[in-house]
Amino acid sequence: MRLLIVEDEPQMANLLQRGLSEEGHSVLCAYDGSEGLELARHFEFDVIVLDIMMPKVSGYEVAKKLRAEKNTTLILMLTAKDAVPDIVRGLDIGADEYMTKPFSFEELLARLRALKRRANVGQPPTLQVKDLVLDPATRDVYRGSTRLMLSRTEYSLLECLMYRTGKVVPRRTLIESVWGSTREVEENTLDVFMHMLRKKVDIDTSERLIQTVRGVGYRIRAERPL
């Protein structure tokens, strides 16, 4: 699994990173809530292991902001706050699992496996347009035999377009679907990310699938242009 550890104690973060990496997981660490929030916004993870008491932005605020932005990445709160009101607050804000410190590493691994199984239930079907394939279950994207390494934002934009293949998706719809309606995002920001997405999806192929509909939005072209 692709894991993000958000933990302000470097020793704990490094222990978790080493142990989880040895179990075959891909792990990134953030050492405060602000850094964790930015990584969660821009990269794809299966689970975020999130401490609560951190400088700059607390774990509660990280979870709250991500859920407000329609980020559905699984969140496991791992914290010393073990009072029932703290647990209830964390789950109500959007955490999928809650563990208290001290903890056993074996239990953490078991909780991560359980979260992964839960996420696998009722997975949506693979999306495909020509040789472009997007798997919502694994969040993998391929163009032909080449796996495309997309940022979270790029992936979300492509997924939004592919669910509406052949239809024009208005600019405002794309912005609200990817960034949420509560964030102020300029339209030129959308254009920048679409440009980066195009460079990955269409750059090495003669058939370009992402089309700009000037003054309206973007679409994934389902048919071969005349």
Protein backbone atom coordinates (compact mmCIF):
# COMPACT_ATOMS: atom_id res chain seq x y z
CA MET A 1 0.00 0.00 0.00
CA ARG A 2 0.97 3.64 -0.45
CA LEU A 3 1.05 5.19 3.01
CA LEU A 4 1.48 8.72 4.34
CA ILE A 5 2.68 9.02 7.95
CA VAL A 6 1.86 12.40 9.51
CA GLU A 7 3.68 12.48 12.85
CA ASP A 8 5.55 15.35 14.52
CA GLU A 9 7.85 13.10 16.58
CA PRO A 10 10.72 12.24 14.19
CA GLN A 11 11.72 9.10 16.08
CA MET A 12 8.19 7.69 15.93
CA ALA A 13 7.75 8.69 12.29
CA ASN A 14 11.04 7.08 11.30
CA LEU A 15 10.28 3.89 13.20
CA LEU A 16 6.92 3.61 11.46
CA GLN A 17 8.45 4.34 8.08
CA ARG A 18 11.16 1.71 8.52
CA GLY A 19 8.80 -0.95 9.85
CA LEU A 20 6.11 -0.41 7.23
CA SER A 21 8.67 -0.26 4.42
CA GLU A 22 10.08 -3.61 5.55
CA GLU A 23 6.53 -4.99 5.20
CA GLY A 24 6.53 -3.98 1.54
CA HIS A 25 4.62 -0.71 1.78
CA SER A 26 5.58 2.55 0.04
CA VAL A 27 5.84 5.19 2.79
CA LEU A 28 6.22 8.97 2.91
CA CYS A 29 6.52 10.98 6.12
CA ALA A 30 5.34 14.47 7.03
CA TYR A 31 6.42 16.02 10.32
CA ASP A 32 3.61 18.50 10.90
CA GLY A 33 -0.03 18.88 9.90
CA SER A 34 0.59 21.53 7.27
CA GLU A 35 3.12 19.40 5.38
CA GLY A 36 0.88 16.36 5.70
CA LEU A 37 -2.08 18.27 4.28
CA GLU A 38 -0.12 19.39 1.22
CA LEU A 39 1.22 15.90 0.52
CA ALA A 40 -2.27 14.42 0.87
CA ARG A 41 -3.62 16.99 -1.58
CA HIS A 42 -1.03 16.43 -4.28
CA PHE A 43 -0.14 12.72 -4.15
CA GLU A 44 -2.06 9.45 -4.16
CA PHE A 45 -2.14 7.34 -0.96
CA ASP A 46 -4.13 4.32 0.12
CA VAL A 47 -4.05 5.25 3.81
CA ILE A 48 -2.99 8.29 5.84
CA VAL A 49 -1.69 7.42 9.32
CA LEU A 50 -2.41 10.64 11.18
CA ASP A 51 -1.34 11.94 14.58
CA ILE A 52 -3.62 14.50 16.26
CA MET A 53 -1.44 16.73 18.44
CA MET A 54 0.86 18.47 15.96
CA PRO A 55 2.14 21.99 15.37
CA LYS A 56 0.68 24.33 12.71
CA VAL A 57 -2.32 22.16 11.85
CA SER A 58 -3.76 19.48 14.15
CA GLY A 59 -4.73 16.04 12.94
CA TYR A 60 -8.38 16.93 13.49
CA GLU A 61 -8.02 19.90 11.15
CA VAL A 62 -6.14 17.84 8.55
CA ALA A 63 -8.94 15.26 8.45
CA LYS A 64 -11.65 17.92 8.44
CA LYS A 65 -10.06 19.84 5.55
CA LEU A 66 -9.47 16.73 3.46
CA ARG A 67 -13.06 15.56 3.85
CA ALA A 68 -14.37 19.03 3.02
CA GLU A 69 -12.32 18.86 -0.19
CA LYS A 70 -13.90 15.47 -1.04
CA ASN A 71 -10.65 13.63 -0.46
CA THR A 72 -11.70 10.05 0.32
CA THR A 73 -8.28 8.62 1.21
CA LEU A 74 -8.61 6.28 4.18
CA ILE A 75 -7.46 7.88 7.47
CA LEU A 76 -6.17 5.99 10.47
CA MET A 77 -5.69 8.27 13.48
CA LEU A 78 -2.79 7.10 15.63
CA THR A 79 -2.58 9.20 18.78
CA ALA A 80 -2.05 9.33 22.52
CA LYS A 81 -5.49 10.97 22.95
CA ASP A 82 -7.47 8.01 24.25
CA ALA A 83 -10.50 9.63 25.89
CA VAL A 84 -13.87 8.61 24.45
CA PRO A 85 -14.77 12.18 23.37
CA ASP A 86 -11.48 12.39 21.43
CA ILE A 87 -12.18 9.10 19.66
CA VAL A 88 -15.73 10.12 18.83
CA ARG A 89 -14.55 13.48 17.51
CA GLY A 90 -11.93 11.88 15.28
CA LEU A 91 -14.38 9.38 13.78
CA ASP A 92 -17.09 12.02 13.32
CA ILE A 93 -14.67 14.34 11.52
CA GLY A 94 -13.88 11.65 8.97
CA ALA A 95 -11.31 9.16 10.28
CA ASP A 96 -11.95 5.58 9.19
CA GLU A 97 -10.04 4.01 12.09
CA TYR A 98 -8.66 5.17 15.45
CA MET A 99 -5.75 3.67 17.39
CA THR A 100 -4.21 4.91 20.61
CA LYS A 101 -0.57 4.98 21.70
CA PRO A 102 1.16 2.92 22.93
CA PHE A 103 0.28 0.30 20.33
CA SER A 104 1.63 -2.96 18.94
CA PHE A 105 3.04 -2.90 15.43
CA GLU A 106 1.22 -6.16 14.64
CA GLU A 107 -2.11 -4.53 15.48
CA LEU A 108 -1.28 -1.55 13.27
CA LEU A 109 -0.57 -3.91 10.36
CA ALA A 110 -3.85 -5.73 11.00
CA ARG A 111 -5.80 -2.44 11.07
CA LEU A 112 -4.20 -1.39 7.79
CA ARG A 113 -5.15 -4.71 6.18
CA ALA A 114 -8.72 -4.32 7.44
CA LEU A 115 -8.93 -0.82 5.99
CA LYS A 116 -7.68 -2.11 2.65
CA ARG A 117 -10.31 -4.87 2.60
CA ARG A 118 -13.01 -2.35 3.45
CA ALA A 119 -11.93 -0.13 0.58
CA ASN A 120 -12.04 -3.08 -1.84
CA VAL A 121 -15.77 -3.70 -1.25
CA GLY A 122 -17.98 -2.41 -4.04
CA GLN A 123 -15.17 -1.01 -6.14
CA PRO A 124 -16.22 0.80 -9.32
CA PRO A 125 -15.37 -0.72 -12.73
CA THR A 126 -12.26 0.09 -14.70
CA LEU A 127 -12.64 3.06 -17.06
CA GLN A 128 -11.20 2.80 -20.58
CA VAL A 129 -11.05 5.06 -23.63
CA LYS A 130 -9.07 3.58 -26.51
CA ASP A 131 -5.74 2.54 -24.91
CA LEU A 132 -6.15 4.83 -21.88
CA VAL A 133 -7.14 2.80 -18.82
CA LEU A 134 -7.96 4.10 -15.33
CA ASP A 135 -8.61 1.72 -12.45
CA PRO A 136 -10.50 3.50 -9.62
CA ALA A 137 -9.82 0.58 -7.29
CA THR A 138 -6.03 0.86 -7.43
CA ARG A 139 -5.90 4.42 -8.85
CA ASP A 140 -3.48 3.15 -11.51
CA VAL A 141 -3.55 4.76 -14.96
CA TYR A 142 -2.07 3.28 -18.14
CA ARG A 143 -1.71 4.54 -21.68
CA GLY A 144 -1.05 1.39 -23.62
CA SER A 145 1.55 -0.55 -21.66
CA THR A 146 2.97 2.58 -19.98
CA ARG A 147 1.93 3.37 -16.44
CA LEU A 148 1.32 7.09 -15.99
CA MET A 149 2.60 8.66 -12.77
CA LEU A 150 -0.06 11.24 -11.95
CA SER A 151 -0.34 13.59 -9.00
CA ARG A 152 -3.56 13.49 -6.96
CA THR A 153 -4.92 16.54 -8.77
CA GLU A 154 -4.04 15.17 -12.21
CA TYR A 155 -5.65 11.84 -11.38
CA SER A 156 -8.82 13.50 -10.09
CA LEU A 157 -9.14 15.62 -13.23
CA LEU A 158 -8.68 12.61 -15.50
CA GLU A 159 -11.15 10.51 -13.51
CA CYS A 160 -13.74 13.29 -13.71
CA LEU A 161 -13.32 13.49 -17.48
CA MET A 162 -13.37 9.73 -18.03
CA TYR A 163 -16.59 9.24 -16.08
CA ARG A 164 -18.10 11.63 -18.63
CA THR A 165 -16.34 10.32 -21.73
CA GLY A 166 -17.47 12.07 -24.89
CA LYS A 167 -19.22 14.84 -22.98
CA VAL A 168 -17.91 18.34 -22.37
CA VAL A 169 -17.20 18.91 -18.67
CA PRO A 170 -17.57 22.62 -17.82
CA ARG A 171 -14.61 24.33 -16.21
CA ARG A 172 -16.53 25.12 -13.02
CA THR A 173 -17.65 21.50 -12.70
CA LEU A 174 -14.05 20.32 -12.92
CA ILE A 175 -12.88 22.85 -10.33
CA GLU A 176 -15.61 21.97 -7.83
CA SER A 177 -15.20 18.22 -8.38
CA VAL A 178 -11.45 18.30 -7.79
CA TRP A 179 -10.90 21.17 -5.34
CA GLY A 180 -14.35 21.43 -3.76
CA SER A 181 -16.77 24.32 -3.72
CA THR A 182 -15.33 25.89 -0.57
CA ARG A 183 -11.86 26.66 -1.98
CA GLU A 184 -11.05 29.68 -4.11
CA VAL A 185 -9.37 28.26 -7.22
CA GLU A 186 -8.62 30.42 -10.25
CA GLU A 187 -9.47 29.07 -13.70
CA ASN A 188 -5.87 29.50 -14.82
CA THR A 189 -4.93 27.00 -12.08
CA LEU A 190 -7.16 24.47 -13.81
CA ASP A 191 -5.46 25.23 -17.14
CA VAL A 192 -2.01 24.66 -15.62
CA PHE A 193 -2.98 21.24 -14.25
CA MET A 194 -4.72 20.26 -17.49
CA HIS A 195 -1.54 21.18 -19.38
CA MET A 196 0.51 18.91 -17.08
CA LEU A 197 -2.05 16.12 -17.42
CA ARG A 198 -1.96 16.37 -21.21
CA LYS A 199 1.84 16.12 -21.23
CA LYS A 200 1.54 12.76 -19.47
CA VAL A 201 -1.52 11.33 -21.23
CA ASP A 202 -1.00 12.52 -24.82
CA ILE A 203 2.65 13.46 -25.23
CA ASP A 204 3.98 10.15 -26.63
CA THR A 205 1.06 9.17 -28.84
CA SER A 206 -0.28 10.21 -32.22
CA GLU A 207 -3.87 10.07 -30.96
CA ARG A 208 -4.63 12.81 -28.47
CA LEU A 209 -7.61 12.13 -26.24
CA ILE A 210 -7.94 15.27 -24.10
CA GLN A 211 -9.68 18.04 -25.96
CA THR A 212 -10.23 21.70 -25.03
CA VAL A 213 -13.66 23.11 -25.82
CA ARG A 214 -12.89 26.81 -25.83
CA GLY A 215 -14.99 28.93 -23.55
CA VAL A 216 -16.67 25.87 -22.03
CA GLY A 217 -14.36 23.23 -20.61
CA TYR A 218 -12.65 19.95 -21.48
CA ARG A 219 -13.58 16.45 -22.58
CA ILE A 220 -12.11 13.04 -23.27
CA ARG A 221 -12.63 12.32 -26.96
CA ALA A 222 -14.32 8.94 -27.39
CA GLU A 223 -14.11 8.80 -31.18
CA ARG A 224 -11.23 9.18 -33.56
CA PRO A 225 -11.20 12.72 -35.02
CA LEU A 226 -11.95 13.06 -38.74
